[in-house]
Protein backbone atom coordinates (compact mmCIF):
# COMPACT_ATOMS: atom_id res chain seq x y z
CA MET A 1 119.35 158.02 145.33
CA THR A 2 119.74 159.24 148.92
CA PHE A 3 121.79 156.23 150.02
CA ARG A 4 124.00 156.56 146.96
CA TYR A 5 124.73 160.25 147.52
CA VAL A 6 125.12 160.17 151.31
CA PHE A 7 127.44 157.15 151.54
CA THR A 8 129.41 158.05 148.43
CA GLY A 9 129.86 161.58 149.83
CA ILE A 10 131.13 160.14 153.13
CA VAL A 11 133.67 157.94 151.30
CA PHE A 12 135.03 160.93 149.35
CA TYR A 13 135.02 163.07 152.49
CA PHE A 14 137.41 160.75 154.32
CA ILE A 15 139.70 159.96 151.35
CA GLY A 16 139.78 163.59 150.26
CA GLY A 17 141.20 165.12 153.41
CA ARG A 18 137.85 165.98 155.00
CA LYS A 19 137.35 169.02 152.80
CA ILE A 20 133.97 170.31 151.59
CA PRO A 21 134.52 173.20 149.17
CA LEU A 22 131.59 175.58 148.98
CA ASP A 23 132.66 177.90 146.15
CA ARG A 24 130.32 178.72 143.29
CA ASP A 25 131.60 176.08 140.86
CA ALA A 26 131.54 173.27 143.42
CA LEU A 27 127.98 174.19 144.41
CA LEU A 28 126.87 174.22 140.76
CA VAL A 29 128.33 170.74 140.27
CA ALA A 30 126.31 169.56 143.27
CA CYS A 31 123.10 171.22 142.03
CA PHE A 32 123.43 169.93 138.44
CA SER A 33 124.38 166.43 139.51
CA SER A 34 121.58 165.92 142.07
CA GLY A 35 119.11 167.68 139.75
CA SER A 36 120.01 165.34 136.92
CA THR A 37 119.50 162.20 138.98
CA LEU A 38 116.32 163.46 140.66
CA LEU A 39 114.67 164.62 137.45
CA TRP A 40 115.56 161.35 135.69
CA ALA A 41 114.05 159.31 138.57
CA VAL A 42 110.88 161.40 138.70
CA GLY A 43 110.58 161.33 134.93
CA LEU A 44 110.63 157.53 134.92
CA THR A 45 107.28 157.49 136.68
CA ASP A 46 105.66 159.00 133.58
CA VAL A 47 108.09 158.07 130.82
CA SER A 48 108.44 154.71 129.04
CA ALA A 49 111.80 152.93 128.82
CA GLY A 50 112.16 153.76 125.14
CA ASP A 51 111.38 157.46 125.57
CA SER A 52 113.64 157.67 128.62
CA ALA A 53 116.58 156.28 126.58
CA ILE A 54 115.98 158.84 123.79
CA LEU A 55 115.55 161.82 126.09
CA SER A 56 118.45 160.93 128.40
CA TYR A 57 120.92 160.50 125.57
CA THR A 58 120.27 163.95 124.19
CA MET A 59 122.99 164.83 126.74
CA PRO A 60 125.86 165.01 124.22
CA LEU A 61 123.82 167.33 122.04
CA PHE A 62 123.47 169.72 124.97
CA SER A 63 127.00 169.33 126.30
CA ILE A 64 128.68 170.68 123.18
CA PRO A 65 126.94 174.12 123.16
CA ILE A 66 127.12 174.37 126.98
CA ALA A 67 130.90 173.74 126.79
CA PHE A 68 131.15 176.53 124.24
CA LEU A 69 129.24 178.92 126.50
CA VAL A 70 130.91 177.99 129.82
CA ILE A 71 134.51 177.14 128.97
CA LYS A 72 134.75 178.54 125.43
CA GLU A 73 135.45 175.10 123.95
CA LYS A 74 135.06 175.50 120.18
CA MET A 75 132.38 173.34 118.60
CA LEU A 76 133.99 171.00 116.07
CA PRO A 77 131.83 169.77 113.14
CA ARG A 78 133.12 166.21 113.63
CA GLU A 79 131.98 166.11 117.24
CA LEU A 80 128.57 167.54 116.36
CA LEU A 81 128.14 164.97 113.57
CA GLY A 82 129.24 162.15 115.85
CA ALA A 83 126.75 163.24 118.52
CA LEU A 84 123.91 163.37 115.94
CA VAL A 85 124.74 159.97 114.49
CA GLY A 86 125.07 158.42 117.94
CA PHE A 87 121.78 159.94 119.05
CA SER A 88 120.10 158.63 115.87
CA GLY A 89 121.33 155.18 116.87
CA VAL A 90 119.65 155.57 120.27
CA VAL A 91 116.40 156.53 118.51
CA VAL A 92 116.59 153.43 116.27
CA TYR A 93 117.40 151.19 119.22
CA SER A 94 114.48 152.63 121.19
CA LEU A 95 112.13 151.24 118.57
CA THR A 96 112.63 147.87 120.20
CA MET A 97 111.24 149.25 123.51
CA GLY A 98 107.85 150.36 124.69
CA HIS A 99 106.73 153.96 124.16
CA GLY A 100 104.09 156.20 125.63
CA SER A 101 104.87 159.06 127.97
CA GLN A 102 103.27 162.00 129.71
CA PRO A 103 104.52 165.44 128.60
CA LEU A 104 105.57 166.46 132.12
CA GLY A 105 107.62 163.30 132.62
CA ALA A 106 109.29 163.82 129.26
CA LEU A 107 110.12 167.36 130.25
CA PHE A 108 111.68 166.24 133.51
CA THR A 109 113.83 163.69 131.74
CA LEU A 110 114.95 166.18 129.08
CA VAL A 111 115.92 168.79 131.68
CA GLY A 112 117.74 166.05 133.56
CA ALA A 113 119.78 165.41 130.42
CA VAL A 114 120.65 169.14 130.26
CA PHE A 115 121.80 169.00 133.92
CA TRP A 116 123.89 165.88 133.16
CA ALA A 117 125.55 167.80 130.31
CA ALA A 118 126.10 170.83 132.57
CA TYR A 119 127.91 169.05 135.37
CA SER A 120 130.01 167.19 132.80
CA VAL A 121 131.13 170.52 131.42
CA TYR A 122 131.97 171.73 134.93
CA TYR A 123 134.09 168.63 135.49
CA ARG A 124 136.12 169.81 132.50
CA LYS A 125 136.18 173.41 133.77
CA LEU A 126 137.53 172.28 137.17
CA ARG A 127 140.13 169.89 135.70
CA ASP A 128 143.01 171.69 137.42
CA ARG A 129 141.54 171.16 140.90
CA ASP A 130 141.64 168.08 143.10
CA PRO A 131 138.40 166.24 142.12
CA ILE A 132 137.85 164.38 145.39
CA PRO A 133 136.80 167.43 147.51
CA ILE A 134 134.54 168.45 144.60
CA PHE A 135 132.93 164.98 144.71
CA THR A 136 132.43 165.41 148.47
CA THR A 137 130.42 168.60 147.94
CA GLN A 138 128.62 167.06 144.99
CA PHE A 139 127.37 164.03 146.88
CA LEU A 140 126.83 165.39 150.39
CA LEU A 141 124.93 168.47 149.28
CA GLY A 142 123.34 166.56 146.44
CA SER A 143 121.81 164.14 148.96
CA ILE A 144 119.64 166.87 150.49
CA PRO A 145 116.82 166.78 147.85
CA GLY A 146 116.66 162.99 148.07
CA ALA A 147 116.66 163.04 151.87
CA ILE A 148 113.73 165.51 151.89
CA GLY A 149 111.83 163.36 149.41
CA SER A 150 112.49 160.24 151.49
CA LEU A 151 110.64 161.82 154.41
CA PHE A 152 107.45 161.79 152.36
CA PHE A 153 108.00 158.48 150.57
CA PRO A 154 109.89 156.18 152.99
CA GLN A 155 110.43 152.80 151.31
CA ILE A 156 113.27 151.19 153.23
CA SER A 157 113.22 147.43 153.79
CA PRO A 158 116.31 146.49 155.83
CA GLY A 159 117.98 143.21 154.90
CA ILE A 160 120.83 141.59 153.08
CA SER A 161 119.59 142.66 149.70
CA LEU A 162 119.51 146.29 150.80
CA ALA A 163 123.09 146.01 152.05
CA VAL A 164 124.24 144.51 148.74
CA ASP A 165 122.41 147.16 146.76
CA VAL A 166 123.84 150.00 148.82
CA THR A 167 127.37 148.56 148.49
CA TYR A 168 126.96 148.32 144.73
CA ILE A 169 125.59 151.83 144.21
CA VAL A 170 128.18 153.38 146.53
CA LEU A 171 131.29 151.60 145.22
CA PHE A 172 130.46 151.09 141.55
CA SER A 173 127.78 153.52 140.40
CA GLY A 174 129.02 156.09 142.89
CA VAL A 175 132.77 156.19 143.57
CA VAL A 176 134.07 154.28 140.52
CA LEU A 177 131.64 155.59 137.90
CA PHE A 178 131.94 159.28 138.76
CA PHE A 179 135.70 159.06 139.29
CA LEU A 180 136.12 157.57 135.82
CA TRP A 181 133.72 160.05 134.17
CA ASN A 182 135.51 162.97 135.82
CA GLY A 183 138.90 161.53 134.85
CA LEU A 184 137.87 161.26 131.20
CA LEU A 185 136.58 164.83 131.12
CA ARG A 186 139.72 166.15 132.77
CA ARG A 187 141.78 164.72 129.91
CA GLY A 188 139.67 165.30 126.80
CA ARG A 189 137.30 167.68 125.07
CA VAL A 190 133.70 167.67 126.23
CA GLY A 191 132.31 166.97 122.78
CA ARG A 192 134.57 163.96 122.31
CA ILE A 193 134.15 162.47 125.81
CA THR A 194 130.38 162.88 126.18
CA THR A 195 129.83 161.24 122.81
CA LEU A 196 131.57 158.16 124.25
CA GLY A 197 128.43 157.78 126.36
CA PHE A 198 126.69 156.27 123.33
CA ALA A 199 128.89 153.21 123.80
CA VAL A 200 126.93 152.33 126.97
CA PRO A 201 123.60 151.42 125.34
CA ALA A 202 125.50 149.90 122.43
CA VAL A 203 127.46 147.56 124.68
CA THR A 204 124.25 146.80 126.64
CA ILE A 205 122.79 145.27 123.47
CA VAL A 206 125.76 142.88 123.28
CA ILE A 207 125.60 142.02 127.03
CA ASP A 208 121.87 141.34 126.87
CA SER A 209 122.39 139.04 123.89
CA ILE A 210 125.02 137.06 125.78
CA ARG A 211 122.96 136.96 128.96
CA THR A 212 119.79 135.74 127.26
CA LEU A 213 121.63 133.55 124.66
CA ALA A 214 119.51 135.15 121.98
CA LEU A 215 120.44 137.21 118.94
CA PRO A 216 119.32 140.85 119.12
CA SER A 217 116.82 142.10 116.60
CA SER A 218 118.04 143.69 113.39
CA THR A 219 116.70 147.02 114.63
CA ALA A 220 118.72 146.77 117.85
CA VAL A 221 121.86 145.82 115.85
CA LEU A 222 121.40 148.75 113.48
CA GLY A 223 120.96 151.15 116.42
CA GLY A 224 124.06 149.75 118.14
CA VAL A 225 126.15 150.06 114.99
CA MET A 226 125.04 153.66 114.52
CA MET A 227 125.99 154.47 118.12
CA PHE A 228 129.49 153.03 117.62
CA ILE A 229 129.81 154.96 114.33
CA GLY A 230 128.89 158.16 116.16
CA VAL A 231 131.62 157.49 118.75
CA PHE A 232 134.11 156.77 115.97
CA ILE A 233 133.26 159.95 114.04
CA ALA A 234 133.63 162.14 117.14
CA ASN A 235 136.99 160.60 118.07
CA TRP A 236 138.56 160.14 114.63
CA ASN A 237 141.70 162.16 113.99
CA ARG A 238 141.52 163.41 117.55
CA ASP A 239 145.19 164.36 117.96
CA ALA A 240 145.30 166.63 114.92
CA GLU A 241 142.08 168.41 115.88
CA GLU A 242 143.02 168.86 119.52
CA THR A 243 146.33 170.34 118.51
CA ALA A 244 144.58 172.85 116.24
CA GLU A 245 141.73 173.55 118.73
CA HIS A 246 143.66 173.19 122.00
CA VAL A 247 141.59 174.01 125.05
């Protein structure tokens, strides 16, 4: 986490004109983002893979009411239904995974999902600002909790594999991933865009099937189909609804 945030923040710092905004909204983005990642990572120590998937993907269910409270984005029934159907698909898919979690770990993961929803809403709120300086604040300040934790749990093994891993998490899961997520939320309603997140575990089912050359179980297929249906419901007839409920 620390490497990801520090090096990604440095990249955004230099390509964003060396600006580090410290206004209230930028600081909230940094707090919610780092909190989401940290709580998810800590939660994994006491939460099974199946339970982590379920709890993490409650995010769209939280993002819709948070968007209503923070940016006054009206809650559309279609988006709520899509989020519920997509989440139900995650629950079905999780039946193929192991379960068994400690309450505290589950709580950390759930709060992490709330934080994920919160900074997604703030991406939408700050859509009229240059996103790159916001990213700089998000990652540089967001690296502080991880840096402090690393002092107590140092686990660095220098080598080629570390260099490859750092490059991947900085360029792909850092710069590219957050830039795309921010770009989507700048252009569309929170309820519609966050529901698209259900496509990630659904596509993972397909990729795993291709990688292992094995057909997924019927339970996994059903879960994946439900996730795609949830995405479809939330995005169907989008133009007409966005015209009527313009934000």
